[in-house]
Amino acid sequence: MKLRLHSDILLPAITLVCALGVVAAGAVYVFQKHQWVQSQLADTIEPRHARLAGLKESAAALASASARAGELESLYTHGPDQEANQIGNEVQQRVRGLLAGAGMTISSNQVLPSKEEGRLERIPLSVRAEGDIVALRGALAALAEQVPAVLLDTLDIQAQGAAEQNPQRLSVQFNFLILRRLGAPATP
């Protein structure tokens, strides 16, 4: 009877100890995984949270900078509300008037096919004109004051006639770029 009692108590006790051992090992494993995940979160999430908090604190400064960037962009680009051909023709007429007003004679001008580049469309304008250095200087000064800007891509100047001629007559090839925004600017 003693042996039977001993095996009746011993077997469930060993089973219980084994089960508690498995549960304890599982608990230790889960605890270690929890600690590891916490350290990973601290290493990755906290810096991100700090960056986002910094962005939130500087929201007014970012909005101001975005508005200023929009203002600066409007100094160099035409809006998306006009067609590229329309913008090209308007700028072509304006450039012709500026060059003629500065004393240059236009021999040819042409709006070339536009090209898309990111959020911008580049509209090339080619103008060939003749005049002296004073007229060229006046034309470049007038072009520099244009808003939106007419960008000078290339400028080819060649002397005409004898070098003794005063003032020297010049043949000038202007290649301009006109920029047009393709869509509404991204809002923050």
N, C-alpha and C. Protein backbone atom coordinates (compact mmCIF):
# COMPACT_ATOMS: atom_id res chain seq x y z
N MET A 1 0.82 -1.16 0.00
CA MET A 1 0.00 0.00 0.00
C MET A 1 0.88 1.25 0.00
N LYS A 2 1.98 1.12 0.69
CA LYS A 2 2.90 2.21 0.74
C LYS A 2 3.45 2.55 -0.64
N LEU A 3 3.75 1.56 -1.41
CA LEU A 3 4.28 1.75 -2.74
C LEU A 3 3.22 2.36 -3.65
N ARG A 4 2.02 1.90 -3.53
CA ARG A 4 0.94 2.41 -4.37
C ARG A 4 0.65 3.85 -4.00
N LEU A 5 0.64 4.20 -2.73
CA LEU A 5 0.40 5.56 -2.30
C LEU A 5 1.51 6.46 -2.80
N HIS A 6 2.69 5.93 -2.71
CA HIS A 6 3.84 6.68 -3.15
C HIS A 6 3.75 6.96 -4.65
N SER A 7 3.36 6.00 -5.48
CA SER A 7 3.25 6.19 -6.91
C SER A 7 2.01 7.01 -7.25
N ASP A 8 0.94 6.93 -6.39
CA ASP A 8 -0.25 7.76 -6.63
C ASP A 8 0.07 9.24 -6.39
N ILE A 9 0.95 9.54 -5.53
CA ILE A 9 1.28 10.93 -5.23
C ILE A 9 2.46 11.39 -6.08
N LEU A 10 3.40 10.54 -6.27
CA LEU A 10 4.62 10.90 -6.96
C LEU A 10 4.38 11.19 -8.44
N LEU A 11 3.63 10.38 -9.12
CA LEU A 11 3.39 10.55 -10.55
C LEU A 11 2.66 11.86 -10.85
N PRO A 12 1.56 12.18 -10.16
CA PRO A 12 0.93 13.49 -10.43
C PRO A 12 1.83 14.65 -10.01
N ALA A 13 2.62 14.48 -8.99
CA ALA A 13 3.51 15.55 -8.55
C ALA A 13 4.57 15.82 -9.60
N ILE A 14 5.14 14.76 -10.16
CA ILE A 14 6.15 14.93 -11.21
C ILE A 14 5.51 15.57 -12.44
N THR A 15 4.33 15.14 -12.79
CA THR A 15 3.62 15.71 -13.93
C THR A 15 3.35 17.20 -13.70
N LEU A 16 2.92 17.50 -12.48
CA LEU A 16 2.65 18.90 -12.13
C LEU A 16 3.92 19.73 -12.18
N VAL A 17 5.02 19.21 -11.67
CA VAL A 17 6.30 19.92 -11.70
C VAL A 17 6.75 20.13 -13.15
N CYS A 18 6.60 19.11 -13.99
CA CYS A 18 6.97 19.23 -15.41
C CYS A 18 6.10 20.28 -16.10
N ALA A 19 4.80 20.25 -15.82
CA ALA A 19 3.89 21.23 -16.44
C ALA A 19 4.24 22.63 -15.98
N LEU A 20 4.53 22.79 -14.68
CA LEU A 20 4.93 24.11 -14.18
C LEU A 20 6.26 24.55 -14.79
N GLY A 21 7.16 23.60 -15.03
CA GLY A 21 8.44 23.91 -15.66
C GLY A 21 8.24 24.42 -17.08
N VAL A 22 7.33 23.74 -17.83
CA VAL A 22 7.04 24.18 -19.21
C VAL A 22 6.41 25.56 -19.20
N VAL A 23 5.46 25.80 -18.31
CA VAL A 23 4.82 27.11 -18.20
C VAL A 23 5.85 28.17 -17.81
N ALA A 24 6.72 27.84 -16.87
CA ALA A 24 7.76 28.80 -16.44
C ALA A 24 8.71 29.10 -17.58
N ALA A 25 9.12 28.07 -18.35
CA ALA A 25 10.00 28.29 -19.49
C ALA A 25 9.30 29.16 -20.54
N GLY A 26 8.01 28.91 -20.79
CA GLY A 26 7.24 29.74 -21.72
C GLY A 26 7.15 31.17 -21.24
N ALA A 27 6.92 31.34 -19.95
CA ALA A 27 6.83 32.70 -19.38
C ALA A 27 8.16 33.43 -19.51
N VAL A 28 9.26 32.73 -19.26
CA VAL A 28 10.58 33.35 -19.41
C VAL A 28 10.82 33.74 -20.86
N TYR A 29 10.44 32.86 -21.80
CA TYR A 29 10.62 33.15 -23.23
C TYR A 29 9.79 34.37 -23.63
N VAL A 30 8.53 34.41 -23.21
CA VAL A 30 7.66 35.54 -23.54
C VAL A 30 8.21 36.82 -22.92
N PHE A 31 8.68 36.77 -21.68
CA PHE A 31 9.25 37.93 -21.01
C PHE A 31 10.48 38.45 -21.76
N GLN A 32 11.35 37.53 -22.19
CA GLN A 32 12.55 37.94 -22.93
C GLN A 32 12.18 38.56 -24.27
N LYS A 33 11.22 37.97 -24.97
CA LYS A 33 10.77 38.53 -26.25
C LYS A 33 10.17 39.92 -26.02
N HIS A 34 9.40 40.08 -24.98
CA HIS A 34 8.81 41.37 -24.65
C HIS A 34 9.89 42.42 -24.40
N GLN A 35 10.92 42.03 -23.64
CA GLN A 35 12.03 42.96 -23.38
C GLN A 35 12.75 43.32 -24.68
N TRP A 36 12.96 42.33 -25.56
CA TRP A 36 13.64 42.59 -26.83
C TRP A 36 12.81 43.53 -27.71
N VAL A 37 11.50 43.29 -27.79
CA VAL A 37 10.62 44.16 -28.59
C VAL A 37 10.61 45.57 -28.02
N GLN A 38 10.58 45.70 -26.71
CA GLN A 38 10.59 47.03 -26.08
C GLN A 38 11.87 47.77 -26.45
N SER A 39 13.00 47.09 -26.43
CA SER A 39 14.26 47.75 -26.77
C SER A 39 14.28 48.14 -28.25
N GLN A 40 13.72 47.28 -29.12
CA GLN A 40 13.66 47.61 -30.55
C GLN A 40 12.75 48.81 -30.78
N LEU A 41 11.63 48.85 -30.10
CA LEU A 41 10.72 49.99 -30.23
C LEU A 41 11.38 51.28 -29.75
N ALA A 42 12.09 51.17 -28.66
CA ALA A 42 12.78 52.35 -28.13
C ALA A 42 13.82 52.85 -29.13
N ASP A 43 14.50 51.93 -29.81
CA ASP A 43 15.53 52.32 -30.77
C ASP A 43 14.97 52.88 -32.06
N THR A 44 13.79 52.43 -32.49
CA THR A 44 13.24 52.86 -33.78
C THR A 44 12.09 53.84 -33.67
N ILE A 45 11.20 53.63 -32.74
CA ILE A 45 10.01 54.45 -32.65
C ILE A 45 10.29 55.80 -31.99
N GLU A 46 11.07 55.82 -30.95
CA GLU A 46 11.31 57.08 -30.24
C GLU A 46 11.96 58.14 -31.11
N PRO A 47 12.98 57.82 -31.94
CA PRO A 47 13.51 58.87 -32.82
C PRO A 47 12.48 59.36 -33.84
N ARG A 48 11.67 58.46 -34.35
CA ARG A 48 10.61 58.86 -35.29
C ARG A 48 9.61 59.77 -34.60
N HIS A 49 9.23 59.39 -33.40
CA HIS A 49 8.28 60.21 -32.65
C HIS A 49 8.87 61.59 -32.39
N ALA A 50 10.13 61.65 -32.06
CA ALA A 50 10.77 62.94 -31.81
C ALA A 50 10.79 63.79 -33.08
N ARG A 51 11.08 63.17 -34.23
CA ARG A 51 11.06 63.91 -35.49
C ARG A 51 9.67 64.45 -35.79
N LEU A 52 8.65 63.60 -35.61
CA LEU A 52 7.28 64.04 -35.86
C LEU A 52 6.86 65.15 -34.91
N ALA A 53 7.28 65.05 -33.66
CA ALA A 53 6.97 66.11 -32.70
C ALA A 53 7.66 67.41 -33.12
N GLY A 54 8.89 67.32 -33.62
CA GLY A 54 9.58 68.50 -34.10
C GLY A 54 8.89 69.11 -35.31
N LEU A 55 8.40 68.27 -36.22
CA LEU A 55 7.66 68.77 -37.37
C LEU A 55 6.36 69.45 -36.94
N LYS A 56 5.71 68.86 -35.96
CA LYS A 56 4.47 69.44 -35.48
C LYS A 56 4.72 70.81 -34.85
N GLU A 57 5.83 70.91 -34.09
CA GLU A 57 6.16 72.19 -33.45
C GLU A 57 6.54 73.25 -34.48
N SER A 58 7.13 72.82 -35.60
CA SER A 58 7.56 73.79 -36.61
C SER A 58 6.58 73.89 -37.77
N ALA A 59 5.34 73.52 -37.56
CA ALA A 59 4.33 73.55 -38.63
C ALA A 59 4.14 74.97 -39.18
N ALA A 60 4.12 75.96 -38.32
CA ALA A 60 3.94 77.34 -38.78
C ALA A 60 5.12 77.79 -39.63
N ALA A 61 6.32 77.45 -39.21
CA ALA A 61 7.51 77.83 -39.99
C ALA A 61 7.52 77.11 -41.33
N LEU A 62 7.11 75.84 -41.35
CA LEU A 62 7.04 75.10 -42.61
C LEU A 62 5.99 75.68 -43.54
N ALA A 63 4.85 76.07 -43.00
CA ALA A 63 3.80 76.68 -43.83
C ALA A 63 4.27 78.00 -44.41
N SER A 64 4.98 78.77 -43.61
CA SER A 64 5.53 80.04 -44.08
C SER A 64 6.57 79.82 -45.17
N ALA A 65 7.43 78.84 -44.98
CA ALA A 65 8.45 78.53 -46.00
C ALA A 65 7.80 78.02 -47.28
N SER A 66 6.76 77.24 -47.15
CA SER A 66 6.05 76.74 -48.33
C SER A 66 5.39 77.88 -49.09
N ALA A 67 4.79 78.81 -48.37
CA ALA A 67 4.19 79.98 -49.03
C ALA A 67 5.25 80.81 -49.73
N ARG A 68 6.38 80.99 -49.09
CA ARG A 68 7.49 81.76 -49.70
C ARG A 68 8.01 81.05 -50.95
N ALA A 69 8.10 79.73 -50.89
CA ALA A 69 8.55 78.97 -52.06
C ALA A 69 7.56 79.13 -53.21
N GLY A 70 6.28 79.15 -52.90
CA GLY A 70 5.26 79.39 -53.93
C GLY A 70 5.39 80.76 -54.56
N GLU A 71 5.69 81.76 -53.73
CA GLU A 71 5.90 83.12 -54.25
C GLU A 71 7.12 83.17 -55.16
N LEU A 72 8.20 82.53 -54.73
CA LEU A 72 9.42 82.51 -55.55
C LEU A 72 9.20 81.75 -56.85
N GLU A 73 8.44 80.67 -56.76
CA GLU A 73 8.15 79.88 -57.96
C GLU A 73 7.38 80.71 -58.98
N SER A 74 6.48 81.56 -58.51
CA SER A 74 5.69 82.38 -59.43
C SER A 74 6.54 83.45 -60.12
N LEU A 75 7.72 83.76 -59.58
CA LEU A 75 8.61 84.71 -60.25
C LEU A 75 9.28 84.08 -61.48
N TYR A 76 9.33 82.76 -61.53
CA TYR A 76 10.04 82.08 -62.61
C TYR A 76 9.15 81.23 -63.51
N THR A 77 7.93 80.94 -63.09
CA THR A 77 7.08 80.04 -63.87
C THR A 77 5.72 80.66 -64.15
N HIS A 78 5.16 80.24 -65.25
CA HIS A 78 3.78 80.60 -65.59
C HIS A 78 2.87 79.56 -64.98
N GLY A 79 1.65 79.96 -64.69
CA GLY A 79 0.70 79.05 -64.05
C GLY A 79 0.20 77.97 -64.99
N PRO A 80 -0.39 76.93 -64.43
CA PRO A 80 -0.90 75.82 -65.24
C PRO A 80 -2.22 76.14 -65.94
N ASP A 81 -2.79 77.32 -65.66
CA ASP A 81 -4.09 77.66 -66.23
C ASP A 81 -4.02 78.04 -67.71
N GLN A 82 -2.84 78.34 -68.25
CA GLN A 82 -2.70 78.68 -69.66
C GLN A 82 -2.03 77.53 -70.40
N GLU A 83 -2.34 77.42 -71.68
CA GLU A 83 -1.72 76.41 -72.53
C GLU A 83 -0.30 76.84 -72.89
N ALA A 84 0.56 75.87 -73.15
CA ALA A 84 1.96 76.14 -73.48
C ALA A 84 2.08 76.98 -74.74
N ASN A 85 1.27 76.70 -75.76
CA ASN A 85 1.33 77.47 -77.01
C ASN A 85 0.97 78.93 -76.77
N GLN A 86 -0.05 79.15 -75.94
CA GLN A 86 -0.49 80.50 -75.64
C GLN A 86 0.61 81.27 -74.90
N ILE A 87 1.22 80.62 -73.91
CA ILE A 87 2.31 81.26 -73.16
C ILE A 87 3.48 81.55 -74.10
N GLY A 88 3.84 80.58 -74.93
CA GLY A 88 4.94 80.77 -75.86
C GLY A 88 4.71 81.93 -76.80
N ASN A 89 3.50 82.06 -77.34
CA ASN A 89 3.19 83.15 -78.26
C ASN A 89 3.20 84.50 -77.55
N GLU A 90 2.66 84.56 -76.34
CA GLU A 90 2.66 85.82 -75.58
C GLU A 90 4.08 86.28 -75.27
N VAL A 91 4.91 85.35 -74.81
CA VAL A 91 6.29 85.69 -74.48
C VAL A 91 7.07 86.05 -75.75
N GLN A 92 6.78 85.37 -76.84
CA GLN A 92 7.43 85.68 -78.11
C GLN A 92 7.14 87.13 -78.51
N GLN A 93 5.89 87.55 -78.40
CA GLN A 93 5.54 88.94 -78.74
C GLN A 93 6.20 89.93 -77.79
N ARG A 94 6.23 89.58 -76.50
CA ARG A 94 6.85 90.46 -75.50
C ARG A 94 8.35 90.60 -75.76
N VAL A 95 9.03 89.49 -76.07
CA VAL A 95 10.47 89.52 -76.34
C VAL A 95 10.75 90.31 -77.62
N ARG A 96 9.93 90.12 -78.64
CA ARG A 96 10.09 90.90 -79.88
C ARG A 96 10.00 92.39 -79.58
N GLY A 97 9.01 92.77 -78.78
CA GLY A 97 8.85 94.18 -78.41
C GLY A 97 10.04 94.71 -77.63
N LEU A 98 10.55 93.91 -76.68
CA LEU A 98 11.69 94.35 -75.88
C LEU A 98 12.95 94.53 -76.74
N LEU A 99 13.20 93.56 -77.63
CA LEU A 99 14.39 93.64 -78.47
C LEU A 99 14.28 94.80 -79.45
N ALA A 100 13.11 94.99 -80.03
CA ALA A 100 12.90 96.10 -80.97
C ALA A 100 13.00 97.43 -80.22
N GLY A 101 12.46 97.49 -79.02
CA GLY A 101 12.53 98.71 -78.22
C GLY A 101 13.96 99.06 -77.83
N ALA A 102 14.82 98.06 -77.71
CA ALA A 102 16.21 98.30 -77.36
C ALA A 102 17.05 98.67 -78.58
N GLY A 103 16.45 98.61 -79.79
CA GLY A 103 17.17 98.99 -80.99
C GLY A 103 17.68 97.83 -81.82
N MET A 104 17.22 96.63 -81.54
CA MET A 104 17.66 95.47 -82.31
C MET A 104 16.64 95.16 -83.40
N THR A 105 17.12 94.58 -84.49
CA THR A 105 16.27 94.17 -85.60
C THR A 105 16.10 92.67 -85.55
N ILE A 106 14.84 92.20 -85.48
CA ILE A 106 14.56 90.77 -85.40
C ILE A 106 14.57 90.20 -86.82
N SER A 107 15.38 89.17 -87.05
CA SER A 107 15.38 88.52 -88.36
C SER A 107 14.56 87.24 -88.35
N SER A 108 14.49 86.56 -87.22
CA SER A 108 13.62 85.37 -87.11
C SER A 108 13.36 85.08 -85.64
N ASN A 109 12.20 84.47 -85.41
CA ASN A 109 11.87 83.98 -84.07
C ASN A 109 10.91 82.83 -84.19
N GLN A 110 10.99 81.90 -83.24
CA GLN A 110 10.18 80.69 -83.32
C GLN A 110 10.01 80.09 -81.94
N VAL A 111 8.76 79.72 -81.62
CA VAL A 111 8.48 78.96 -80.40
C VAL A 111 8.62 77.49 -80.78
N LEU A 112 9.49 76.78 -80.09
CA LEU A 112 9.77 75.38 -80.38
C LEU A 112 8.89 74.47 -79.54
N PRO A 113 8.78 73.18 -79.88
CA PRO A 113 7.95 72.25 -79.10
C PRO A 113 8.41 72.16 -77.64
N SER A 114 7.45 72.13 -76.76
CA SER A 114 7.76 72.11 -75.31
C SER A 114 8.12 70.70 -74.86
N LYS A 115 8.80 70.65 -73.70
CA LYS A 115 9.22 69.38 -73.11
C LYS A 115 8.84 69.39 -71.63
N GLU A 116 8.31 68.27 -71.17
CA GLU A 116 7.95 68.15 -69.75
C GLU A 116 9.16 67.66 -68.97
N GLU A 117 9.35 68.26 -67.79
CA GLU A 117 10.44 67.88 -66.90
C GLU A 117 9.94 67.96 -65.47
N GLY A 118 9.55 66.82 -64.93
CA GLY A 118 9.00 66.79 -63.56
C GLY A 118 7.67 67.53 -63.52
N ARG A 119 7.58 68.50 -62.63
CA ARG A 119 6.36 69.31 -62.49
C ARG A 119 6.35 70.52 -63.40
N LEU A 120 7.39 70.65 -64.25
CA LEU A 120 7.51 71.82 -65.12
C LEU A 120 7.48 71.43 -66.58
N GLU A 121 7.05 72.37 -67.39
CA GLU A 121 7.10 72.23 -68.84
C GLU A 121 8.01 73.33 -69.35
N ARG A 122 9.03 72.95 -70.12
CA ARG A 122 9.98 73.90 -70.68
C ARG A 122 9.53 74.26 -72.09
N ILE A 123 9.34 75.56 -72.34
CA ILE A 123 8.92 76.03 -73.65
C ILE A 123 10.10 76.80 -74.25
N PRO A 124 10.78 76.24 -75.25
CA PRO A 124 11.93 76.93 -75.84
C PRO A 124 11.47 77.99 -76.84
N LEU A 125 12.20 79.09 -76.88
CA LEU A 125 11.94 80.19 -77.81
C LEU A 125 13.28 80.57 -78.43
N SER A 126 13.33 80.56 -79.75
CA SER A 126 14.55 80.90 -80.47
C SER A 126 14.35 82.21 -81.19
N VAL A 127 15.28 83.16 -80.99
CA VAL A 127 15.19 84.49 -81.63
C VAL A 127 16.56 84.84 -82.20
N ARG A 128 16.56 85.28 -83.46
CA ARG A 128 17.78 85.79 -84.10
C ARG A 128 17.55 87.27 -84.36
N ALA A 129 18.52 88.08 -83.89
CA ALA A 129 18.38 89.54 -84.03
C ALA A 129 19.74 90.15 -84.37
N GLU A 130 19.70 91.38 -84.85
CA GLU A 130 20.91 92.12 -85.18
C GLU A 130 20.85 93.48 -84.54
N GLY A 131 22.02 93.98 -84.16
CA GLY A 131 22.11 95.31 -83.56
C GLY A 131 23.51 95.53 -83.04
N ASP A 132 23.73 96.70 -82.44
CA ASP A 132 25.06 96.98 -81.89
C ASP A 132 25.11 96.58 -80.43
N ILE A 133 26.27 96.76 -79.81
CA ILE A 133 26.49 96.32 -78.43
C ILE A 133 25.60 97.08 -77.44
N VAL A 134 25.32 98.35 -77.74
CA VAL A 134 24.46 99.16 -76.86
C VAL A 134 23.04 98.61 -76.89
N ALA A 135 22.56 98.25 -78.08
CA ALA A 135 21.22 97.67 -78.20
C ALA A 135 21.15 96.32 -77.49
N LEU A 136 22.20 95.52 -77.64
CA LEU A 136 22.24 94.22 -76.97
C LEU A 136 22.21 94.38 -75.45
N ARG A 137 22.99 95.31 -74.94
CA ARG A 137 23.01 95.57 -73.49
C ARG A 137 21.63 96.01 -73.00
N GLY A 138 20.98 96.90 -73.75
CA GLY A 138 19.64 97.35 -73.37
C GLY A 138 18.63 96.22 -73.42
N ALA A 139 18.75 95.35 -74.42
CA ALA A 139 17.83 94.22 -74.54
C ALA A 139 18.01 93.25 -73.37
N LEU A 140 19.25 92.95 -73.01
CA LEU A 140 19.50 92.04 -71.89
C LEU A 140 19.01 92.63 -70.58
N ALA A 141 19.17 93.92 -70.40
CA ALA A 141 18.68 94.58 -69.17
C ALA A 141 17.16 94.51 -69.10
N ALA A 142 16.49 94.72 -70.23
CA ALA A 142 15.02 94.67 -70.25
C ALA A 142 14.53 93.24 -70.01
N LEU A 143 15.25 92.27 -70.56
CA LEU A 143 14.86 90.87 -70.37
C LEU A 143 15.02 90.44 -68.91
N ALA A 144 16.00 90.99 -68.23
CA ALA A 144 16.25 90.62 -66.83
C ALA A 144 15.12 91.06 -65.91
N GLU A 145 14.33 92.04 -66.33
CA GLU A 145 13.25 92.57 -65.49
C GLU A 145 11.92 91.87 -65.71
N GLN A 146 11.86 90.89 -66.57
CA GLN A 146 10.61 90.22 -66.88
C GLN A 146 10.15 89.32 -65.75
N VAL A 147 8.84 89.36 -65.45
CA VAL A 147 8.23 88.48 -64.45
C VAL A 147 6.97 87.91 -65.06
N PRO A 148 6.80 86.61 -65.10
CA PRO A 148 7.74 85.56 -64.80
C PRO A 148 8.96 85.64 -65.71
N ALA A 149 10.05 85.18 -65.20
CA ALA A 149 11.34 85.32 -65.87
C ALA A 149 11.36 84.58 -67.21
N VAL A 150 12.06 85.21 -68.16
CA VAL A 150 12.37 84.58 -69.42
C VAL A 150 13.84 84.19 -69.30
N LEU A 151 14.10 82.90 -69.19
CA LEU A 151 15.45 82.42 -68.93
C LEU A 151 16.25 82.34 -70.23
N LEU A 152 17.45 82.85 -70.18
CA LEU A 152 18.34 82.79 -71.34
C LEU A 152 19.13 81.49 -71.26
N ASP A 153 18.85 80.57 -72.18
CA ASP A 153 19.51 79.26 -72.19
C ASP A 153 20.88 79.37 -72.85
N THR A 154 20.92 79.88 -74.08
CA THR A 154 22.20 80.09 -74.77
C THR A 154 22.15 81.43 -75.49
N LEU A 155 23.32 81.99 -75.68
CA LEU A 155 23.47 83.27 -76.37
C LEU A 155 24.69 83.15 -77.27
N ASP A 156 24.48 83.31 -78.56
CA ASP A 156 25.56 83.22 -79.54
C ASP A 156 25.69 84.58 -80.21
N ILE A 157 26.85 85.21 -80.05
CA ILE A 157 27.09 86.55 -80.60
C ILE A 157 28.18 86.46 -81.65
N GLN A 158 27.89 87.01 -82.83
CA GLN A 158 28.88 87.05 -83.91
C GLN A 158 28.96 88.47 -84.45
N ALA A 159 30.19 88.90 -84.71
CA ALA A 159 30.40 90.24 -85.28
C ALA A 159 30.09 90.20 -86.76
N GLN A 160 29.51 91.29 -87.26
CA GLN A 160 29.21 91.43 -88.68
C GLN A 160 30.05 92.56 -89.26
N GLY A 161 30.49 92.39 -90.46
CA GLY A 161 31.20 93.46 -91.14
C GLY A 161 32.60 93.66 -90.60
N ALA A 162 33.17 94.82 -90.95
CA ALA A 162 34.54 95.15 -90.59
C ALA A 162 34.65 95.50 -89.12
N ALA A 163 35.78 95.15 -88.53
CA ALA A 163 36.01 95.41 -87.10
C ALA A 163 36.19 96.89 -86.83
N GLU A 164 36.57 97.68 -87.84
CA GLU A 164 36.80 99.11 -87.64
C GLU A 164 35.49 99.87 -87.51
N GLN A 165 34.41 99.26 -87.91
CA GLN A 165 33.10 99.89 -87.85
C GLN A 165 32.76 100.21 -86.40
N ASN A 166 32.33 101.45 -86.13
CA ASN A 166 32.02 101.82 -84.75
C ASN A 166 30.61 102.36 -84.70
N PRO A 167 29.70 101.86 -83.98
CA PRO A 167 29.78 100.65 -83.16
C PRO A 167 29.67 99.41 -84.03
N GLN A 168 30.28 98.35 -83.56
CA GLN A 168 30.32 97.07 -84.29
C GLN A 168 28.92 96.49 -84.38
N ARG A 169 28.52 96.06 -85.55
CA ARG A 169 27.21 95.43 -85.76
C ARG A 169 27.34 93.96 -85.34
N LEU A 170 26.34 93.46 -84.60
CA LEU A 170 26.36 92.10 -84.07
C LEU A 170 25.16 91.31 -84.56
N SER A 171 25.38 90.03 -84.80
CA SER A 171 24.30 89.09 -85.08
C SER A 171 24.18 88.22 -83.83
N VAL A 172 23.00 88.18 -83.24
CA VAL A 172 22.81 87.50 -81.95
C VAL A 172 21.73 86.43 -82.08
N GLN A 173 22.08 85.22 -81.61
CA GLN A 173 21.12 84.12 -81.55
C GLN A 173 20.77 83.90 -80.07
N PHE A 174 19.53 84.20 -79.70
CA PHE A 174 19.03 83.98 -78.34
C PHE A 174 18.26 82.66 -78.32
N ASN A 175 18.50 81.85 -77.32
CA ASN A 175 17.67 80.67 -77.06
C ASN A 175 17.15 80.82 -75.64
N PHE A 176 15.86 81.07 -75.54
CA PHE A 176 15.22 81.32 -74.25
C PHE A 176 14.46 80.08 -73.79
N LEU A 177 14.23 80.00 -72.49
CA LEU A 177 13.37 78.98 -71.89
C LEU A 177 12.28 79.68 -71.10
N ILE A 178 11.08 79.22 -71.31
CA ILE A 178 9.93 79.72 -70.56
C ILE A 178 9.42 78.53 -69.76
N LEU A 179 9.21 78.72 -68.48
CA LEU A 179 8.78 77.61 -67.61
C LEU A 179 7.30 77.74 -67.28
N ARG A 180 6.61 76.61 -67.33
CA ARG A 180 5.18 76.54 -67.00
C ARG A 180 4.98 75.40 -66.02
N ARG A 181 4.26 75.67 -64.90
CA ARG A 181 3.91 74.61 -63.95
C ARG A 181 2.85 73.71 -64.57
N LEU A 182 2.97 72.41 -64.37
CA LEU A 182 2.03 71.48 -64.96
C LEU A 182 0.79 71.25 -64.11
N GLY A 183 0.89 71.39 -62.82
CA GLY A 183 -0.25 71.14 -61.95
C GLY A 183 -0.21 72.06 -60.76
N ALA A 184 -1.25 71.94 -59.97
CA ALA A 184 -1.31 72.76 -58.75
C ALA A 184 -0.18 72.34 -57.82
N PRO A 185 0.45 73.30 -57.12
CA PRO A 185 1.52 72.93 -56.20
C PRO A 185 0.99 72.05 -55.07
N ALA A 186 1.84 71.17 -54.62
CA ALA A 186 1.46 70.25 -53.53
C ALA A 186 1.22 71.04 -52.26
N THR A 187 0.13 70.71 -51.57
CA THR A 187 -0.17 71.38 -50.32
C THR A 187 0.28 70.52 -49.16
N PRO A 188 0.79 71.16 -48.10
CA PRO A 188 1.29 70.38 -46.97
C PRO A 188 0.18 69.74 -46.19
